Amino acid sequence: ISDAVTLTVSVLSVSSQKWLTEGDPVTLICEVKGSSSGWTFSWYTVTVSSNKRYPYKPLSDSSRGAGGNYTVSSAALNHTAVYVCTAERGKPVYSTWSSNTQLLWVTGFSSPVFLIISPSRTQHFTSVSLSLSCEDQSNSDRWRARRYTDHEQLEYCSSLTSDTGVYWCQSESGEISHPVNITVDTGVILESGEYPVTEGDSLTLHCLYEHSTPHPTRADFYKDGSLIQSQTTEMVISTVSKSHEGFYYCKHPERGESPKSWISVRVFHSESHISVLHTLSSVLAVCPYLLVTVVLIFKCCRMRGKCLSDLL
């Protein structure tokens, strides 16, 4: 008997961050460390199931083959899920353990339901009251709140919780709301107000400190790890654009820093704007034909004039 060899499977995200916007491409890669040939791969999503031994649902649009990639060319809300892969090879077949899980969440406006948080912010202090509900004007009974916590557990929210994790609403038919990353912490939190943020809106950020009233007046604000405003009472973005999307946090020299919050910016294309663009594009498309017609008419008129002069 040879020495034992341990083979592990891991999932790596090629995307620069886990927050995706509808329409974004994303690729997950499944690989077997220490061994690269002869493997076929299968992809699954983790489900909330009473069957604790195998709570996986196979992906119908994932291909089994030598390559372990699972690619979504245009992300939709229903791609918000917890993903896992497995690999196998040989005869008789040797199967690996399941890989580590990879959560992807997709934000957008096409969902018929919204996850409502009260108080309306994504960061909260411990030991405070926090309520979650799914708001759907047509039939709210069809929706249930779900969460994926730092402990890599996917579950229904049967009661009020104060755990850090990603929360969303999901219907019985599998429809997904926009997900929200809720962080619970002690000491310092970042208050970013109402969500989601729409392009053109204003955004105000505050640093809040637990067990301190009034809160200290000055803090530093960071975006994606870079200092963008120092020693201010608040940070105001008067007109939000897509470029403001990113991870934000605040820091106080004595109190410490807050957790990071992903601020997603949604872009609306109004009907009037689309109508103007459509009209302009139509005019530009017709312009060459109009120009040719005018030239032909001008030449015909010149020829008619010449013919009349010859006759006279």
Protein backbone atom coordinates (compact mmCIF):
# COMPACT_ATOMS: atom_id res chain seq x y z
CA ILE A 1 0.00 0.00 0.00
CA SER A 2 1.40 3.37 -1.03
CA ASP A 3 1.49 6.48 1.09
CA ALA A 4 -1.86 8.29 1.29
CA VAL A 5 -2.33 11.35 -0.90
CA THR A 6 -4.91 14.00 0.00
CA LEU A 7 -6.63 15.74 -2.90
CA THR A 8 -8.61 18.90 -2.20
CA VAL A 9 -10.92 20.88 -4.45
CA SER A 10 -11.21 24.66 -4.34
CA VAL A 11 -13.40 27.26 -6.05
CA LEU A 12 -11.80 30.51 -7.11
CA SER A 13 -13.65 33.60 -8.30
CA VAL A 14 -12.13 35.43 -11.24
CA SER A 15 -14.41 38.40 -10.57
CA SER A 16 -12.71 41.28 -8.72
CA GLN A 17 -15.51 41.26 -6.14
CA LYS A 18 -18.50 39.16 -5.22
CA TRP A 19 -21.03 41.95 -5.72
CA LEU A 20 -22.28 41.83 -9.31
CA THR A 21 -24.75 43.99 -11.19
CA GLU A 22 -27.29 42.53 -13.61
CA GLY A 23 -25.60 41.99 -16.96
CA ASP A 24 -22.08 41.53 -15.57
CA PRO A 25 -20.11 38.45 -16.67
CA VAL A 26 -18.64 36.13 -14.04
CA THR A 27 -16.64 32.90 -14.11
CA LEU A 28 -16.14 30.37 -11.32
CA ILE A 29 -13.22 27.95 -11.63
CA CYS A 30 -13.13 24.49 -10.08
CA GLU A 31 -9.72 22.87 -9.82
CA VAL A 32 -8.08 19.95 -8.05
CA LYS A 33 -4.94 21.10 -6.29
CA GLY A 34 -1.88 19.02 -7.04
CA SER A 35 -3.51 17.15 -9.93
CA SER A 36 -4.74 18.67 -13.17
CA SER A 37 -5.50 15.89 -15.68
CA GLY A 38 -8.30 13.41 -16.21
CA TRP A 39 -10.93 15.09 -14.03
CA THR A 40 -14.54 15.85 -14.90
CA PHE A 41 -16.39 18.48 -12.89
CA SER A 42 -19.94 19.04 -11.70
CA TRP A 43 -21.47 22.24 -10.34
CA TYR A 44 -24.24 22.64 -7.76
CA THR A 45 -26.03 25.30 -5.76
CA VAL A 46 -26.53 24.89 -2.03
CA THR A 47 -30.20 24.77 -1.03
CA VAL A 48 -32.17 25.08 2.19
CA SER A 49 -33.19 21.47 2.61
CA SER A 50 -34.25 19.08 5.33
CA ASN A 51 -31.79 16.62 3.82
CA LYS A 52 -28.66 17.76 5.64
CA ARG A 53 -26.53 15.03 4.06
CA TYR A 54 -26.91 16.30 0.49
CA PRO A 55 -28.43 19.79 0.27
CA TYR A 56 -27.12 20.33 -3.29
CA LYS A 57 -29.03 21.04 -6.49
CA PRO A 58 -27.17 20.27 -9.77
CA LEU A 59 -26.89 23.11 -12.26
CA SER A 60 -28.62 22.22 -15.51
CA ASP A 61 -26.58 24.70 -17.58
CA SER A 62 -23.13 23.58 -16.35
CA SER A 63 -21.10 21.29 -18.59
CA ARG A 64 -19.22 18.24 -17.37
CA GLY A 65 -15.74 18.06 -18.87
CA ALA A 66 -12.03 18.48 -18.42
CA GLY A 67 -12.42 22.21 -17.82
CA GLY A 68 -13.80 23.18 -14.43
CA ASN A 69 -15.12 26.60 -15.42
CA TYR A 70 -18.72 27.70 -14.87
CA THR A 71 -19.37 30.92 -16.79
CA VAL A 72 -22.35 33.25 -16.72
CA SER A 73 -22.11 35.71 -19.61
CA SER A 74 -24.87 37.99 -18.31
CA ALA A 75 -25.66 37.76 -14.59
CA ALA A 76 -29.31 37.91 -13.49
CA LEU A 77 -30.87 38.15 -10.05
CA ASN A 78 -31.58 34.42 -9.99
CA HIS A 79 -27.83 33.76 -10.18
CA THR A 80 -27.60 34.92 -6.55
CA ALA A 81 -26.71 31.64 -4.87
CA VAL A 82 -24.13 29.60 -3.00
CA TYR A 83 -22.08 27.51 -5.46
CA VAL A 84 -20.06 24.34 -4.93
CA CYS A 85 -18.32 21.87 -7.25
CA THR A 86 -17.06 18.29 -7.22
CA ALA A 87 -14.65 16.34 -9.44
CA GLU A 88 -14.26 12.68 -10.39
CA ARG A 89 -12.07 10.46 -12.56
CA GLY A 90 -10.99 6.88 -13.17
CA LYS A 91 -12.69 3.47 -13.42
CA PRO A 92 -14.01 2.67 -10.91
CA VAL A 93 -14.86 6.32 -10.39
CA TYR A 94 -13.03 8.18 -7.65
CA SER A 95 -14.92 11.27 -6.44
CA THR A 96 -13.48 14.17 -4.48
CA TRP A 97 -15.10 15.82 -1.51
CA SER A 98 -17.23 18.88 -2.24
CA SER A 99 -15.29 22.09 -2.70
CA ASN A 100 -15.46 25.10 -0.43
CA THR A 101 -18.55 27.20 -1.09
CA GLN A 102 -18.59 30.40 -3.15
CA LEU A 103 -21.37 32.95 -2.69
CA LEU A 104 -22.28 35.26 -5.57
CA TRP A 105 -24.88 37.98 -5.23
CA VAL A 106 -26.35 40.05 -8.05
CA THR A 107 -28.04 43.42 -7.61
CA GLY A 108 -30.59 44.97 -9.95
CA PHE A 109 -34.04 46.51 -10.37
CA SER A 110 -35.95 43.72 -12.06
CA SER A 111 -37.05 42.02 -8.85
CA PRO A 112 -40.75 42.30 -7.91
CA VAL A 113 -39.86 42.31 -4.20
CA PHE A 114 -37.53 44.21 -1.88
CA LEU A 115 -35.92 43.20 1.39
CA ILE A 116 -36.88 45.84 3.94
CA ILE A 117 -34.55 46.41 6.90
CA SER A 118 -35.55 48.40 9.95
CA PRO A 119 -33.68 50.54 10.91
CA SER A 120 -32.82 51.19 7.26
CA ARG A 121 -29.06 50.69 7.13
CA THR A 122 -26.76 47.77 6.41
CA GLN A 123 -24.49 48.05 9.49
CA HIS A 124 -25.83 47.60 13.04
CA PHE A 125 -24.55 47.42 16.58
CA THR A 126 -24.89 44.21 18.57
CA SER A 127 -27.81 43.79 20.99
CA VAL A 128 -30.12 46.13 19.06
CA SER A 129 -33.54 45.46 17.56
CA LEU A 130 -33.41 44.56 13.87
CA SER A 131 -36.35 43.48 11.71
CA LEU A 132 -36.38 42.04 8.20
CA SER A 133 -39.36 41.69 5.89
CA CYS A 134 -40.10 40.98 2.24
CA GLU A 135 -42.25 43.64 0.59
CA ASP A 136 -44.26 42.55 -2.42
CA GLN A 137 -47.45 44.38 -3.43
CA SER A 138 -48.91 41.37 -5.23
CA ASN A 139 -48.58 38.55 -2.67
CA SER A 140 -46.12 38.84 0.21
CA ASP A 141 -46.93 35.32 1.47
CA ARG A 142 -45.00 33.78 -1.41
CA TRP A 143 -41.69 35.25 -0.24
CA ARG A 144 -39.39 34.23 2.58
CA ALA A 145 -36.20 35.88 3.82
CA ARG A 146 -33.02 33.87 3.49
CA ARG A 147 -29.48 34.46 4.66
CA TYR A 148 -25.95 33.18 4.17
CA THR A 149 -23.75 33.81 7.21
CA ASP A 150 -20.02 33.99 7.79
CA HIS A 151 -20.31 30.43 9.15
CA GLU A 152 -21.13 29.27 5.59
CA GLN A 153 -24.69 28.37 6.49
CA LEU A 154 -27.64 28.96 4.18
CA GLU A 155 -30.95 29.11 6.02
CA TYR A 156 -34.37 30.66 6.29
CA CYS A 157 -34.80 33.60 8.66
CA SER A 158 -37.43 32.23 11.02
CA SER A 159 -36.89 34.94 13.63
CA LEU A 160 -35.13 38.24 14.15
CA THR A 161 -31.38 37.82 13.95
CA SER A 162 -28.34 39.90 14.61
CA ASP A 163 -25.79 37.87 12.61
CA THR A 164 -23.48 39.19 9.93
CA GLY A 165 -24.39 37.76 6.54
CA VAL A 166 -25.98 38.25 3.14
CA TYR A 167 -29.79 38.44 3.20
CA TRP A 168 -32.34 38.27 0.41
CA CYS A 169 -35.94 37.31 -0.32
CA GLN A 170 -36.82 34.23 -2.35
CA SER A 171 -40.16 32.99 -3.63
CA GLU A 172 -41.38 29.42 -3.78
CA SER A 173 -40.75 29.43 -7.54
CA GLY A 174 -37.12 30.53 -7.09
CA GLU A 175 -37.40 34.26 -7.83
CA ILE A 176 -34.71 36.31 -6.07
CA SER A 177 -34.77 39.84 -4.66
CA HIS A 178 -31.75 42.12 -4.58
CA PRO A 179 -29.44 40.84 -1.80
CA VAL A 180 -28.16 42.97 1.07
CA ASN A 181 -24.96 42.44 3.05
CA ILE A 182 -25.82 43.11 6.72
CA THR A 183 -22.95 43.57 9.16
CA VAL A 184 -23.28 43.47 12.94
CA ASP A 185 -20.34 44.84 14.92
CA THR A 186 -19.26 46.57 18.11
CA GLY A 187 -17.46 49.88 18.42
CA VAL A 188 -17.75 51.66 15.07
CA ILE A 189 -20.22 51.29 12.19
CA LEU A 190 -20.75 53.16 8.93
CA GLU A 191 -24.20 54.66 8.37
CA SER A 192 -24.97 54.97 4.67
CA GLY A 193 -28.71 55.67 4.83
CA GLU A 194 -31.31 54.32 2.45
CA TYR A 195 -30.45 51.64 -0.07
CA PRO A 196 -30.23 50.89 -2.90
CA VAL A 197 -28.57 54.06 -4.25
CA THR A 198 -29.76 55.29 -7.63
CA GLU A 199 -27.54 57.21 -10.04
CA GLY A 200 -28.16 60.94 -9.61
CA ASP A 201 -29.23 60.66 -5.95
CA SER A 202 -27.25 62.14 -3.07
CA LEU A 203 -25.46 59.92 -0.54
CA THR A 204 -24.41 60.89 2.99
CA LEU A 205 -22.09 58.75 5.14
CA HIS A 206 -21.70 59.02 8.92
CA CYS A 207 -19.51 57.26 11.46
CA LEU A 208 -21.48 55.98 14.47
CA TYR A 209 -19.89 54.92 17.75
CA GLU A 210 -21.43 52.50 20.22
CA HIS A 211 -22.15 53.81 23.74
CA SER A 212 -21.29 57.37 22.74
CA THR A 213 -23.83 60.21 22.65
CA PRO A 214 -23.23 62.51 20.93
CA HIS A 215 -20.96 60.68 18.54
CA PRO A 216 -17.40 62.00 18.00
CA THR A 217 -17.54 64.66 15.34
CA ARG A 218 -14.65 63.75 13.05
CA ALA A 219 -13.57 60.63 11.17
CA ASP A 220 -11.70 59.53 8.04
CA PHE A 221 -13.61 57.96 5.14
CA TYR A 222 -12.19 55.34 2.77
CA LYS A 223 -13.26 53.81 -0.54
CA ASP A 224 -11.71 50.54 -1.71
CA GLY A 225 -8.90 51.01 0.82
CA SER A 226 -7.95 54.55 -0.24
CA LEU A 227 -8.50 57.65 1.91
CA ILE A 228 -10.98 59.95 0.16
CA GLN A 229 -11.93 62.39 2.94
CA SER A 230 -10.22 63.07 6.27
CA GLN A 231 -11.26 64.54 9.59
CA THR A 232 -14.83 65.45 8.63
CA THR A 233 -18.15 65.16 10.42
CA GLU A 234 -19.77 63.46 7.43
CA MET A 235 -19.09 62.57 3.83
CA VAL A 236 -21.55 63.80 1.21
CA ILE A 237 -21.74 62.76 -2.45
CA SER A 238 -24.19 65.21 -3.97
CA THR A 239 -24.70 63.36 -7.27
CA VAL A 240 -23.99 59.64 -7.25
CA SER A 241 -22.63 58.00 -10.41
CA LYS A 242 -21.59 54.46 -11.30
CA SER A 243 -17.96 55.37 -10.53
CA HIS A 244 -18.89 55.78 -6.84
CA GLU A 245 -19.67 52.07 -6.53
CA GLY A 246 -17.32 50.25 -4.15
CA PHE A 247 -16.45 49.27 -0.58
CA TYR A 248 -16.66 52.11 1.97
CA TYR A 249 -15.65 52.33 5.62
CA CYS A 250 -14.81 54.99 8.18
CA LYS A 251 -12.04 55.21 10.78
CA HIS A 252 -11.53 57.11 14.01
CA PRO A 253 -8.01 57.35 15.52
CA GLU A 254 -9.21 56.27 18.97
CA ARG A 255 -12.37 54.25 18.32
CA GLY A 256 -11.04 52.20 15.41
CA GLU A 257 -12.60 51.49 12.02
CA SER A 258 -15.99 50.27 10.86
CA PRO A 259 -16.64 47.14 8.77
CA LYS A 260 -16.70 47.62 5.01
CA SER A 261 -20.00 48.23 3.24
CA TRP A 262 -20.52 47.58 -0.46
CA ILE A 263 -22.43 50.50 -1.99
CA SER A 264 -24.08 49.54 -5.24
CA VAL A 265 -25.25 52.20 -7.71
CA ARG A 266 -28.22 51.36 -9.96
CA VAL A 267 -28.64 53.10 -13.31
CA PHE A 268 -32.11 53.93 -14.62
CA HIS A 269 -32.68 54.58 -18.33
CA SER A 270 -35.86 56.64 -18.56
CA GLU A 271 -38.31 56.12 -21.42
CA SER A 272 -37.92 59.72 -22.57
CA HIS A 273 -34.15 59.35 -22.73
CA ILE A 274 -34.47 56.11 -24.69
CA SER A 275 -37.01 57.77 -27.01
CA VAL A 276 -34.65 60.67 -27.76
CA LEU A 277 -31.78 58.30 -28.50
CA HIS A 278 -34.01 56.20 -30.74
CA THR A 279 -35.20 59.27 -32.67
CA LEU A 280 -31.66 60.59 -33.06
CA SER A 281 -30.36 57.24 -34.28
CA SER A 282 -33.23 57.00 -36.78
CA VAL A 283 -32.48 60.47 -38.15
CA LEU A 284 -28.78 59.68 -38.49
CA ALA A 285 -29.62 56.44 -40.29
CA VAL A 286 -31.88 58.25 -42.80
CA CYS A 287 -29.48 61.17 -43.42
CA PRO A 288 -27.37 59.43 -46.13
CA TYR A 289 -30.49 58.53 -48.13
CA LEU A 290 -31.82 62.10 -47.86
CA LEU A 291 -28.48 63.47 -49.04
CA VAL A 292 -28.41 61.17 -52.08
CA THR A 293 -32.00 62.12 -52.96
CA VAL A 294 -31.22 65.85 -52.78
CA VAL A 295 -28.16 65.42 -55.03
CA LEU A 296 -30.15 63.42 -57.61
CA ILE A 297 -32.94 66.03 -57.66
CA PHE A 298 -30.39 68.82 -58.12
CA LYS A 299 -28.74 67.00 -61.05
CA CYS A 300 -32.11 66.29 -62.67
CA CYS A 301 -33.07 69.95 -62.40
CA ARG A 302 -29.77 70.99 -64.01
CA MET A 303 -30.27 68.51 -66.87
CA ARG A 304 -33.86 69.69 -67.46
CA GLY A 305 -32.66 73.25 -67.53
CA LYS A 306 -29.97 72.40 -70.11
CA CYS A 307 -32.47 70.53 -72.29
CA LEU A 308 -34.88 73.50 -72.29
CA SER A 309 -32.11 75.91 -73.26
CA ASP A 310 -31.09 73.67 -76.22
CA LEU A 311 -34.67 73.60 -77.47
CA LEU A 312 -35.01 77.35 -77.29
